[in-house]
């Protein structure tokens, strides 16, 4: 099973000017303005400590992507329309965009596989693995079909999770990482995942529980572990666990950091000087505090304990 590294940590040994500027558009901008001599000078001064990345040009996967696309064609449904272009098989019609509220954006979702997910990919190196909601992939694998709503240069097939454009029982395994919270109908998407998975096929699915509002293009649902199991009640669930990458500390630091970023001046200083013990009273104890009252409406929605809907029936 071949794989192609498109993004990696920049080091003194592997530094490449073009790859560094491609991975760091903010650096490319200051170099273009003459505020920084080069990407390398930025790396030596700042980037090394900031653990900046290198991004290779997607031309290095062009041949592998072309070969994969020829091989996976029998996995594609013939009963729904699509276009084949240089990037991918595109099943995302205007009708599907409207039905499932898909919007175009230049925001990029990207993350590396952890060891648990890599184990699934390696185990099925002679079969097919569906990455359902892959985002942009820093490593491109020959046996993984990258399915996305966005036409990234690592996307193999484009469409929506509620109408997967694959034939029944097409895949030996399915990966769905940080996706179902962004799907308008996660129950329908879960049924589609079950449909395209072979009997006995493996599923790895991760959905947030206590993460703040985030992501592309929308963030609809968080789930408890019981809710996640309910989505796949027809499966033999081996286990549900919390790996290092999603331990509670990530939620805690995410909320605190984002809260601090939403404050300025004295309110921010007060918040940053609090100890954990200072935050263990009932919520109403803090309602008059500046670090509570001075958060913006958008920040309150991002970090809300709950939201309340007011509506009239049509």
C-alpha atoms as a PDB file:
ATOM      1  CA  UNK A   1       0.000   0.000   0.000  1.00  0.00           C
ATOM      2  CA  UNK A   2       1.580   3.249  -1.136  1.00  0.00           C
ATOM      3  CA  UNK A   3       1.070   6.589   0.594  1.00  0.00           C
ATOM      4  CA  UNK A   4       2.152  10.110  -0.291  1.00  0.00           C
ATOM      5  CA  UNK A   5       3.085  12.719   2.301  1.00  0.00           C
ATOM      6  CA  UNK A   6       1.678  16.129   1.383  1.00  0.00           C
ATOM      7  CA  UNK A   7       2.255  17.894   4.704  1.00  0.00           C
ATOM      8  CA  UNK A   8       4.886  17.426   7.387  1.00  0.00           C
ATOM      9  CA  UNK A   9       6.625  19.314  10.163  1.00  0.00           C
ATOM     10  CA  UNK A  10       9.273  21.724   8.883  1.00  0.00           C
ATOM     11  CA  UNK A  11      12.780  20.986  10.160  1.00  0.00           C
ATOM     12  CA  UNK A  12      16.240  22.314   9.432  1.00  0.00           C
ATOM     13  CA  UNK A  13      16.973  19.125   7.483  1.00  0.00           C
ATOM     14  CA  UNK A  14      13.885  19.048   5.238  1.00  0.00           C
ATOM     15  CA  UNK A  15      13.230  22.784   4.817  1.00  0.00           C
ATOM     16  CA  UNK A  16      11.849  23.787   1.417  1.00  0.00           C
ATOM     17  CA  UNK A  17      11.022  27.435   0.676  1.00  0.00           C
ATOM     18  CA  UNK A  18       8.134  26.783  -1.711  1.00  0.00           C
ATOM     19  CA  UNK A  19       6.570  24.116   0.539  1.00  0.00           C
ATOM     20  CA  UNK A  20       6.909  26.356   3.600  1.00  0.00           C
ATOM     21  CA  UNK A  21       5.158  29.312   1.959  1.00  0.00           C
ATOM     22  CA  UNK A  22       2.431  27.037   0.586  1.00  0.00           C
ATOM     23  CA  UNK A  23       1.695  25.681   4.074  1.00  0.00           C
ATOM     24  CA  UNK A  24       1.840  29.116   5.718  1.00  0.00           C
ATOM     25  CA  UNK A  25      -0.048  31.754   3.703  1.00  0.00           C
ATOM     26  CA  UNK A  26       0.399  34.294   6.497  1.00  0.00           C
ATOM     27  CA  UNK A  27       4.164  34.004   6.079  1.00  0.00           C
ATOM     28  CA  UNK A  28       3.861  34.168   2.287  1.00  0.00           C
ATOM     29  CA  UNK A  29       1.928  37.419   2.695  1.00  0.00           C
ATOM     30  CA  UNK A  30       4.561  39.142   4.856  1.00  0.00           C
ATOM     31  CA  UNK A  31       7.346  37.942   2.532  1.00  0.00           C
ATOM     32  CA  UNK A  32       5.466  39.362  -0.464  1.00  0.00           C
ATOM     33  CA  UNK A  33       5.101  42.692   1.350  1.00  0.00           C
ATOM     34  CA  UNK A  34       8.833  42.726   2.121  1.00  0.00           C
ATOM     35  CA  UNK A  35       8.262  42.524   5.875  1.00  0.00           C
ATOM     36  CA  UNK A  36      10.192  39.265   6.015  1.00  0.00           C
ATOM     37  CA  UNK A  37      13.207  38.417   3.845  1.00  0.00           C
ATOM     38  CA  UNK A  38      12.118  34.867   3.064  1.00  0.00           C
ATOM     39  CA  UNK A  39      10.266  31.863   4.364  1.00  0.00           C
ATOM     40  CA  UNK A  40      13.532  30.452   5.598  1.00  0.00           C
ATOM     41  CA  UNK A  41      14.332  33.550   7.635  1.00  0.00           C
ATOM     42  CA  UNK A  42      10.862  33.335   9.198  1.00  0.00           C
ATOM     43  CA  UNK A  43      11.385  29.652   9.952  1.00  0.00           C
ATOM     44  CA  UNK A  44      14.727  30.279  11.611  1.00  0.00           C
ATOM     45  CA  UNK A  45      13.380  33.148  13.722  1.00  0.00           C
ATOM     46  CA  UNK A  46       9.850  31.998  14.506  1.00  0.00           C
ATOM     47  CA  UNK A  47       8.631  28.982  12.581  1.00  0.00           C
ATOM     48  CA  UNK A  48      10.851  26.358  14.149  1.00  0.00           C
ATOM     49  CA  UNK A  49       9.567  27.129  17.654  1.00  0.00           C
ATOM     50  CA  UNK A  50       6.005  27.512  16.340  1.00  0.00           C
ATOM     51  CA  UNK A  51       6.230  24.030  14.772  1.00  0.00           C
ATOM     52  CA  UNK A  52       5.270  25.288  11.337  1.00  0.00           C
ATOM     53  CA  UNK A  53       4.536  22.820   8.524  1.00  0.00           C
ATOM     54  CA  UNK A  54       5.651  22.175   4.949  1.00  0.00           C
ATOM     55  CA  UNK A  55       3.041  21.438   2.262  1.00  0.00           C
ATOM     56  CA  UNK A  56       4.024  19.712  -0.969  1.00  0.00           C
ATOM     57  CA  UNK A  57       2.405  20.538  -4.282  1.00  0.00           C
ATOM     58  CA  UNK A  58      -0.449  18.158  -5.102  1.00  0.00           C
ATOM     59  CA  UNK A  59       1.220  17.214  -8.391  1.00  0.00           C
ATOM     60  CA  UNK A  60       3.057  14.490  -6.454  1.00  0.00           C
ATOM     61  CA  UNK A  61      -0.211  12.535  -6.134  1.00  0.00           C
ATOM     62  CA  UNK A  62      -1.514  13.209  -9.656  1.00  0.00           C
ATOM     63  CA  UNK A  63      -0.645   9.790 -11.078  1.00  0.00           C
ATOM     64  CA  UNK A  64      -1.746   7.887  -7.959  1.00  0.00           C
ATOM     65  CA  UNK A  65      -5.035   9.798  -7.884  1.00  0.00           C
ATOM     66  CA  UNK A  66      -5.677   9.067 -11.565  1.00  0.00           C
ATOM     67  CA  UNK A  67      -5.011   5.354 -11.080  1.00  0.00           C
ATOM     68  CA  UNK A  68      -7.233   5.191  -8.004  1.00  0.00           C
ATOM     69  CA  UNK A  69     -10.090   6.922  -9.787  1.00  0.00           C
ATOM     70  CA  UNK A  70      -9.997   4.358 -12.587  1.00  0.00           C
ATOM     71  CA  UNK A  71     -10.066   1.468 -10.106  1.00  0.00           C
ATOM     72  CA  UNK A  72     -12.883   2.799  -7.880  1.00  0.00           C
ATOM     73  CA  UNK A  73     -15.320   3.495 -10.704  1.00  0.00           C
ATOM     74  CA  UNK A  74     -17.165   0.163 -10.147  1.00  0.00           C
ATOM     75  CA  UNK A  75     -17.822   1.307  -6.554  1.00  0.00           C
ATOM     76  CA  UNK A  76     -19.834   4.301  -7.772  1.00  0.00           C
ATOM     77  CA  UNK A  77     -23.602   4.387  -8.117  1.00  0.00           C
ATOM     78  CA  UNK A  78     -24.980   4.724 -11.639  1.00  0.00           C
ATOM     79  CA  UNK A  79     -28.450   5.894 -10.615  1.00  0.00           C
ATOM     80  CA  UNK A  80     -27.486   9.446  -9.623  1.00  0.00           C
ATOM     81  CA  UNK A  81     -25.832  12.076 -11.852  1.00  0.00           C
ATOM     82  CA  UNK A  82     -22.197  13.094 -11.525  1.00  0.00           C
ATOM     83  CA  UNK A  83     -19.375  14.823 -13.323  1.00  0.00           C
ATOM     84  CA  UNK A  84     -15.857  13.498 -13.623  1.00  0.00           C
ATOM     85  CA  UNK A  85     -13.211  16.183 -13.453  1.00  0.00           C
ATOM     86  CA  UNK A  86      -9.481  16.388 -12.805  1.00  0.00           C
ATOM     87  CA  UNK A  87     -10.049  16.557  -9.043  1.00  0.00           C
ATOM     88  CA  UNK A  88     -12.716  13.965  -8.371  1.00  0.00           C
ATOM     89  CA  UNK A  89     -15.989  12.285  -9.204  1.00  0.00           C
ATOM     90  CA  UNK A  90     -18.444  15.059  -8.348  1.00  0.00           C
ATOM     91  CA  UNK A  91     -21.912  13.961  -7.192  1.00  0.00           C
ATOM     92  CA  UNK A  92     -22.717  17.239  -5.408  1.00  0.00           C
ATOM     93  CA  UNK A  93     -25.561  18.574  -7.527  1.00  0.00           C
ATOM     94  CA  UNK A  94     -27.279  21.904  -6.971  1.00  0.00           C
ATOM     95  CA  UNK A  95     -30.339  19.978  -5.781  1.00  0.00           C
ATOM     96  CA  UNK A  96     -28.324  18.178  -3.084  1.00  0.00           C
ATOM     97  CA  UNK A  97     -26.649  21.448  -2.059  1.00  0.00           C
ATOM     98  CA  UNK A  98     -30.050  23.029  -1.515  1.00  0.00           C
ATOM     99  CA  UNK A  99     -31.569  19.991   0.198  1.00  0.00           C
ATOM    100  CA  UNK A 100     -28.750  19.588   2.712  1.00  0.00           C
ATOM    101  CA  UNK A 101     -27.752  23.245   3.104  1.00  0.00           C
ATOM    102  CA  UNK A 102     -24.254  22.910   1.621  1.00  0.00           C
ATOM    103  CA  UNK A 103     -22.415  26.177   1.090  1.00  0.00           C
ATOM    104  CA  UNK A 104     -19.147  26.841  -0.705  1.00  0.00           C
ATOM    105  CA  UNK A 105     -16.247  28.076   1.402  1.00  0.00           C
ATOM    106  CA  UNK A 106     -12.501  28.479   1.175  1.00  0.00           C
ATOM    107  CA  UNK A 107     -12.024  27.177   4.726  1.00  0.00           C
ATOM    108  CA  UNK A 108      -9.961  23.994   4.915  1.00  0.00           C
ATOM    109  CA  UNK A 109     -10.605  21.151   7.329  1.00  0.00           C
ATOM    110  CA  UNK A 110      -7.530  19.000   7.917  1.00  0.00           C
ATOM    111  CA  UNK A 111      -6.202  16.559  10.510  1.00  0.00           C
ATOM    112  CA  UNK A 112      -3.903  13.550  10.694  1.00  0.00           C
ATOM    113  CA  UNK A 113      -5.053  10.010  11.417  1.00  0.00           C
ATOM    114  CA  UNK A 114      -4.280   8.704  14.891  1.00  0.00           C
ATOM    115  CA  UNK A 115      -2.773   5.260  15.479  1.00  0.00           C
ATOM    116  CA  UNK A 116      -6.174   3.610  15.957  1.00  0.00           C
ATOM    117  CA  UNK A 117      -7.394   4.813  12.570  1.00  0.00           C
ATOM    118  CA  UNK A 118      -4.091   4.032  10.870  1.00  0.00           C
ATOM    119  CA  UNK A 119      -4.467   0.493  12.175  1.00  0.00           C
ATOM    120  CA  UNK A 120      -7.746   0.158  10.253  1.00  0.00           C
ATOM    121  CA  UNK A 121      -6.161   1.520   7.058  1.00  0.00           C
ATOM    122  CA  UNK A 122      -3.177  -0.805   7.322  1.00  0.00           C
ATOM    123  CA  UNK A 123      -5.340  -3.831   8.128  1.00  0.00           C
ATOM    124  CA  UNK A 124      -7.299  -3.337   4.909  1.00  0.00           C
ATOM    125  CA  UNK A 125      -4.400  -2.383   2.640  1.00  0.00           C
ATOM    126  CA  UNK A 126      -5.594  -4.849  -0.011  1.00  0.00           C
ATOM    127  CA  UNK A 127      -9.218  -3.649   0.210  1.00  0.00           C
ATOM    128  CA  UNK A 128     -11.069  -0.342   0.256  1.00  0.00           C
ATOM    129  CA  UNK A 129     -11.523   2.057   3.160  1.00  0.00           C
ATOM    130  CA  UNK A 130     -14.005   4.935   2.932  1.00  0.00           C
ATOM    131  CA  UNK A 131     -13.008   8.127   4.724  1.00  0.00           C
ATOM    132  CA  UNK A 132     -16.472   9.656   4.997  1.00  0.00           C
ATOM    133  CA  UNK A 133     -15.843  13.381   5.428  1.00  0.00           C
ATOM    134  CA  UNK A 134     -12.101  13.265   4.941  1.00  0.00           C
ATOM    135  CA  UNK A 135     -11.306  16.952   4.803  1.00  0.00           C
ATOM    136  CA  UNK A 136      -7.966  17.753   3.204  1.00  0.00           C
ATOM    137  CA  UNK A 137      -5.636  14.825   3.876  1.00  0.00           C
ATOM    138  CA  UNK A 138      -1.966  15.503   4.766  1.00  0.00           C
ATOM    139  CA  UNK A 139      -1.184  11.934   3.652  1.00  0.00           C
ATOM    140  CA  UNK A 140      -2.802  10.417   0.548  1.00  0.00           C
ATOM    141  CA  UNK A 141      -3.374   6.633   0.717  1.00  0.00           C
ATOM    142  CA  UNK A 142      -3.975   4.418  -2.313  1.00  0.00           C
ATOM    143  CA  UNK A 143      -6.535   2.227  -0.512  1.00  0.00           C
ATOM    144  CA  UNK A 144      -8.564   5.064   1.058  1.00  0.00           C
ATOM    145  CA  UNK A 145     -11.404   6.758  -0.833  1.00  0.00           C
ATOM    146  CA  UNK A 146     -11.525  10.360   0.397  1.00  0.00           C
ATOM    147  CA  UNK A 147     -15.169  11.477   0.339  1.00  0.00           C
ATOM    148  CA  UNK A 148     -15.934  15.155   0.932  1.00  0.00           C
ATOM    149  CA  UNK A 149     -18.345  17.986   0.218  1.00  0.00           C
ATOM    150  CA  UNK A 150     -15.375  20.168  -0.780  1.00  0.00           C
ATOM    151  CA  UNK A 151     -13.190  19.674  -3.897  1.00  0.00           C
ATOM    152  CA  UNK A 152      -9.832  19.534  -2.134  1.00  0.00           C
ATOM    153  CA  UNK A 153      -6.898  18.230  -4.154  1.00  0.00           C
ATOM    154  CA  UNK A 154      -7.023  15.045  -2.036  1.00  0.00           C
ATOM    155  CA  UNK A 155     -10.782  14.529  -2.557  1.00  0.00           C
ATOM    156  CA  UNK A 156     -11.614  11.429  -4.611  1.00  0.00           C
ATOM    157  CA  UNK A 157     -15.416  11.626  -4.558  1.00  0.00           C
ATOM    158  CA  UNK A 158     -17.592  14.636  -3.762  1.00  0.00           C
ATOM    159  CA  UNK A 159     -21.139  14.481  -2.426  1.00  0.00           C
ATOM    160  CA  UNK A 160     -23.214  14.487   0.774  1.00  0.00           C
ATOM    161  CA  UNK A 161     -23.173  11.931   3.586  1.00  0.00           C
ATOM    162  CA  UNK A 162     -26.942  11.492   3.513  1.00  0.00           C
ATOM    163  CA  UNK A 163     -26.797  10.228  -0.101  1.00  0.00           C
ATOM    164  CA  UNK A 164     -23.520   8.332  -0.418  1.00  0.00           C
ATOM    165  CA  UNK A 165     -22.750   7.784  -4.119  1.00  0.00           C
ATOM    166  CA  UNK A 166     -21.425   4.244  -3.641  1.00  0.00           C
ATOM    167  CA  UNK A 167     -22.963   0.852  -4.332  1.00  0.00           C
ATOM    168  CA  UNK A 168     -24.091  -1.399  -1.482  1.00  0.00           C
ATOM    169  CA  UNK A 169     -21.354  -3.284   0.403  1.00  0.00           C
ATOM    170  CA  UNK A 170     -18.538  -1.452  -1.375  1.00  0.00           C
ATOM    171  CA  UNK A 171     -16.104  -0.997   1.524  1.00  0.00           C
ATOM    172  CA  UNK A 172     -14.137  -3.169   3.922  1.00  0.00           C
ATOM    173  CA  UNK A 173     -14.042  -0.345   6.481  1.00  0.00           C
ATOM    174  CA  UNK A 174     -15.442   3.150   7.020  1.00  0.00           C
ATOM    175  CA  UNK A 175     -13.794   6.033   8.900  1.00  0.00           C
ATOM    176  CA  UNK A 176     -15.895   9.002  10.058  1.00  0.00           C
ATOM    177  CA  UNK A 177     -13.925  11.417  12.238  1.00  0.00           C
ATOM    178  CA  UNK A 178     -15.466  14.712  13.430  1.00  0.00           C
ATOM    179  CA  UNK A 179     -18.080  14.634  10.662  1.00  0.00           C
ATOM    180  CA  UNK A 180     -21.533  13.662  11.944  1.00  0.00           C
ATOM    181  CA  UNK A 181     -21.875  16.835  13.996  1.00  0.00           C
ATOM    182  CA  UNK A 182     -21.782  18.753  10.693  1.00  0.00           C
ATOM    183  CA  UNK A 183     -24.325  16.563   8.878  1.00  0.00           C
ATOM    184  CA  UNK A 184     -27.889  17.840   8.631  1.00  0.00           C
ATOM    185  CA  UNK A 185     -29.373  14.349   9.076  1.00  0.00           C
ATOM    186  CA  UNK A 186     -26.909  12.144  11.007  1.00  0.00           C
ATOM    187  CA  UNK A 187     -29.421   9.267  11.269  1.00  0.00           C
ATOM    188  CA  UNK A 188     -29.710   9.112   7.494  1.00  0.00           C
ATOM    189  CA  UNK A 189     -25.939   9.376   7.130  1.00  0.00           C
ATOM    190  CA  UNK A 190     -25.455   6.509   9.589  1.00  0.00           C
ATOM    191  CA  UNK A 191     -27.851   4.360   7.544  1.00  0.00           C
ATOM    192  CA  UNK A 192     -25.869   5.169   4.412  1.00  0.00           C
ATOM    193  CA  UNK A 193     -22.614   4.193   6.113  1.00  0.00           C
ATOM    194  CA  UNK A 194     -24.185   0.878   7.077  1.00  0.00           C
ATOM    195  CA  UNK A 195     -25.388   0.348   3.509  1.00  0.00           C
ATOM    196  CA  UNK A 196     -21.977   0.797   1.853  1.00  0.00           C
ATOM    197  CA  UNK A 197     -20.083  -1.272   4.445  1.00  0.00           C
ATOM    198  CA  UNK A 198     -19.550  -4.969   3.785  1.00  0.00           C
ATOM    199  CA  UNK A 199     -20.958  -7.467   6.320  1.00  0.00           C
ATOM    200  CA  UNK A 200     -18.354  -7.789   9.047  1.00  0.00           C
ATOM    201  CA  UNK A 201     -16.748  -4.536   7.894  1.00  0.00           C
ATOM    202  CA  UNK A 202     -15.116  -2.224  10.443  1.00  0.00           C
ATOM    203  CA  UNK A 203     -16.386   1.208  11.470  1.00  0.00           C
ATOM    204  CA  UNK A 204     -14.458   3.908  13.337  1.00  0.00           C
ATOM    205  CA  UNK A 205     -16.611   6.936  14.166  1.00  0.00           C
ATOM    206  CA  UNK A 206     -15.789   9.915  16.379  1.00  0.00           C
ATOM    207  CA  UNK A 207     -18.285  12.672  17.235  1.00  0.00           C
ATOM    208  CA  UNK A 208     -17.817  15.532  19.745  1.00  0.00           C
ATOM    209  CA  UNK A 209     -19.692  15.760  23.027  1.00  0.00           C
ATOM    210  CA  UNK A 210     -18.483  18.835  24.978  1.00  0.00           C
ATOM    211  CA  UNK A 211     -16.768  20.725  22.164  1.00  0.00           C
ATOM    212  CA  UNK A 212     -17.796  24.325  21.411  1.00  0.00           C
ATOM    213  CA  UNK A 213     -19.445  25.425  18.165  1.00  0.00           C
ATOM    214  CA  UNK A 214     -17.010  24.930  15.294  1.00  0.00           C
ATOM    215  CA  UNK A 215     -16.414  23.721  11.786  1.00  0.00           C
ATOM    216  CA  UNK A 216     -17.504  23.643   8.190  1.00  0.00           C
ATOM    217  CA  UNK A 217     -19.986  24.412   6.802  1.00  0.00           C
ATOM    218  CA  UNK A 218     -22.384  24.071   9.737  1.00  0.00           C
ATOM    219  CA  UNK A 219     -22.297  22.490  13.191  1.00  0.00           C
ATOM    220  CA  UNK A 220     -25.639  20.833  13.939  1.00  0.00           C
ATOM    221  CA  UNK A 221     -25.240  18.188  16.656  1.00  0.00           C
ATOM    222  CA  UNK A 222     -22.979  17.036  19.468  1.00  0.00           C
ATOM    223  CA  UNK A 223     -23.616  13.586  20.961  1.00  0.00           C
ATOM    224  CA  UNK A 224     -23.215  11.613  24.141  1.00  0.00           C
ATOM    225  CA  UNK A 225     -21.613   8.185  23.830  1.00  0.00           C
ATOM    226  CA  UNK A 226     -25.109   6.758  24.174  1.00  0.00           C
ATOM    227  CA  UNK A 227     -26.327   8.907  21.298  1.00  0.00           C
ATOM    228  CA  UNK A 228     -23.444   7.747  19.113  1.00  0.00           C
ATOM    229  CA  UNK A 229     -24.232   4.114  19.891  1.00  0.00           C
ATOM    230  CA  UNK A 230     -27.884   4.785  19.078  1.00  0.00           C
ATOM    231  CA  UNK A 231     -26.940   5.931  15.569  1.00  0.00           C
ATOM    232  CA  UNK A 232     -25.360   2.550  14.880  1.00  0.00           C
ATOM    233  CA  UNK A 233     -27.648   0.298  16.944  1.00  0.00           C
ATOM    234  CA  UNK A 234     -27.661  -2.318  14.170  1.00  0.00           C
ATOM    235  CA  UNK A 235     -23.902  -2.827  14.532  1.00  0.00           C
ATOM    236  CA  UNK A 236     -22.038  -5.115  16.887  1.00  0.00           C
ATOM    237  CA  UNK A 237     -20.387  -2.390  18.971  1.00  0.00           C
ATOM    238  CA  UNK A 238     -17.050  -3.664  20.253  1.00  0.00           C
ATOM    239  CA  UNK A 239     -16.311  -0.704  22.497  1.00  0.00           C
ATOM    240  CA  UNK A 240     -16.709   3.052  22.920  1.00  0.00           C
ATOM    241  CA  UNK A 241     -13.693   4.809  24.392  1.00  0.00           C
ATOM    242  CA  UNK A 242     -12.073   8.217  24.764  1.00  0.00           C
ATOM    243  CA  UNK A 243      -8.595   8.225  23.150  1.00  0.00           C
ATOM    244  CA  UNK A 244      -5.900  10.752  24.068  1.00  0.00           C
ATOM    245  CA  UNK A 245      -6.849  13.041  21.174  1.00  0.00           C
ATOM    246  CA  UNK A 246     -10.313  13.719  22.665  1.00  0.00           C
ATOM    247  CA  UNK A 247      -9.810  13.490  26.432  1.00  0.00           C
ATOM    248  CA  UNK A 248     -11.760  16.047  28.558  1.00  0.00           C
ATOM    249  CA  UNK A 249      -8.682  18.273  28.824  1.00  0.00           C
ATOM    250  CA  UNK A 250      -9.121  19.254  25.158  1.00  0.00           C
ATOM    251  CA  UNK A 251     -12.639  20.554  25.839  1.00  0.00           C
ATOM    252  CA  UNK A 252     -11.507  22.401  28.962  1.00  0.00           C
ATOM    253  CA  UNK A 253      -8.547  24.141  27.317  1.00  0.00           C
ATOM    254  CA  UNK A 254     -10.572  24.900  24.159  1.00  0.00           C
ATOM    255  CA  UNK A 255     -13.313  26.602  26.161  1.00  0.00           C
ATOM    256  CA  UNK A 256     -10.934  28.562  28.398  1.00  0.00           C
ATOM    257  CA  UNK A 257      -8.742  29.728  25.527  1.00  0.00           C
ATOM    258  CA  UNK A 258     -11.688  30.764  23.388  1.00  0.00           C
ATOM    259  CA  UNK A 259     -13.326  32.541  26.345  1.00  0.00           C
ATOM    260  CA  UNK A 260     -10.153  34.530  26.996  1.00  0.00           C
ATOM    261  CA  UNK A 261      -9.902  35.449  23.300  1.00  0.00           C
ATOM    262  CA  UNK A 262     -13.418  36.892  23.533  1.00  0.00           C
ATOM    263  CA  UNK A 263     -12.422  39.376  26.254  1.00  0.00           C
ATOM    264  CA  UNK A 264     -10.330  42.533  26.368  1.00  0.00           C
ATOM    265  CA  UNK A 265      -8.914  44.884  28.979  1.00  0.00           C
ATOM    266  CA  UNK A 266      -9.705  44.471  32.657  1.00  0.00           C
ATOM    267  CA  UNK A 267     -12.250  41.705  32.072  1.00  0.00           C
ATOM    268  CA  UNK A 268      -9.649  39.587  30.287  1.00  0.00           C
ATOM    269  CA  UNK A 269      -7.060  40.244  32.982  1.00  0.00           C
ATOM    270  CA  UNK A 270      -9.536  39.246  35.701  1.00  0.00           C
ATOM    271  CA  UNK A 271     -10.427  36.047  33.853  1.00  0.00           C
ATOM    272  CA  UNK A 272      -6.809  35.015  33.282  1.00  0.00           C
ATOM    273  CA  UNK A 273      -5.962  35.559  36.940  1.00  0.00           C
ATOM    274  CA  UNK A 274      -8.668  33.210  38.203  1.00  0.00           C
ATOM    275  CA  UNK A 275      -7.727  29.879  39.761  1.00  0.00           C
ATOM    276  CA  UNK A 276      -9.691  26.688  39.128  1.00  0.00           C
ATOM    277  CA  UNK A 277     -10.984  26.918  42.699  1.00  0.00           C
ATOM    278  CA  UNK A 278     -12.412  30.359  41.863  1.00  0.00           C
ATOM    279  CA  UNK A 279     -14.744  28.824  39.264  1.00  0.00           C
ATOM    280  CA  UNK A 280     -16.458  26.106  41.284  1.00  0.00           C
ATOM    281  CA  UNK A 281     -19.459  28.082  42.544  1.00  0.00           C
ATOM    282  CA  UNK A 282     -22.931  27.831  41.022  1.00  0.00           C
ATOM    283  CA  UNK A 283     -23.262  29.684  37.705  1.00  0.00           C
ATOM    284  CA  UNK A 284     -25.463  32.428  39.129  1.00  0.00           C
ATOM    285  CA  UNK A 285     -22.578  33.437  41.399  1.00  0.00           C
ATOM    286  CA  UNK A 286     -20.739  34.827  38.333  1.00  0.00           C
ATOM    287  CA  UNK A 287     -23.572  36.414  36.358  1.00  0.00           C
ATOM    288  CA  UNK A 288     -22.571  39.927  37.356  1.00  0.00           C
ATOM    289  CA  UNK A 289     -18.878  39.465  36.530  1.00  0.00           C
ATOM    290  CA  UNK A 290     -17.373  41.383  33.622  1.00  0.00           C
ATOM    291  CA  UNK A 291     -15.776  38.232  32.215  1.00  0.00           C
ATOM    292  CA  UNK A 292     -19.311  36.834  31.853  1.00  0.00           C
ATOM    293  CA  UNK A 293     -21.177  39.946  30.753  1.00  0.00           C
ATOM    294  CA  UNK A 294     -18.628  41.225  28.220  1.00  0.00           C
ATOM    295  CA  UNK A 295     -18.622  38.187  25.933  1.00  0.00           C
ATOM    296  CA  UNK A 296     -20.153  38.910  22.525  1.00  0.00           C
ATOM    297  CA  UNK A 297     -23.339  37.260  21.315  1.00  0.00           C
ATOM    298  CA  UNK A 298     -21.374  35.131  18.841  1.00  0.00           C
ATOM    299  CA  UNK A 299     -18.952  34.006  21.549  1.00  0.00           C
ATOM    300  CA  UNK A 300     -21.871  33.133  23.842  1.00  0.00           C
ATOM    301  CA  UNK A 301     -23.323  30.952  21.078  1.00  0.00           C
ATOM    302  CA  UNK A 302     -19.962  29.243  20.561  1.00  0.00           C
ATOM    303  CA  UNK A 303     -19.509  28.362  24.246  1.00  0.00           C
ATOM    304  CA  UNK A 304     -23.150  28.145  25.380  1.00  0.00           C
ATOM    305  CA  UNK A 305     -24.233  25.671  28.046  1.00  0.00           C
ATOM    306  CA  UNK A 306     -27.469  25.419  26.046  1.00  0.00           C
ATOM    307  CA  UNK A 307     -29.397  27.452  23.478  1.00  0.00           C
ATOM    308  CA  UNK A 308     -33.093  28.333  23.504  1.00  0.00           C
ATOM    309  CA  UNK A 309     -35.302  28.487  20.413  1.00  0.00           C
ATOM    310  CA  UNK A 310     -38.327  30.767  20.022  1.00  0.00           C
ATOM    311  CA  UNK A 311     -40.492  30.159  16.963  1.00  0.00           C
ATOM    312  CA  UNK A 312     -43.943  30.183  15.356  1.00  0.00           C
ATOM    313  CA  UNK A 313     -45.354  27.301  13.370  1.00  0.00           C
ATOM    314  CA  UNK A 314     -45.786  28.120   9.697  1.00  0.00           C
END
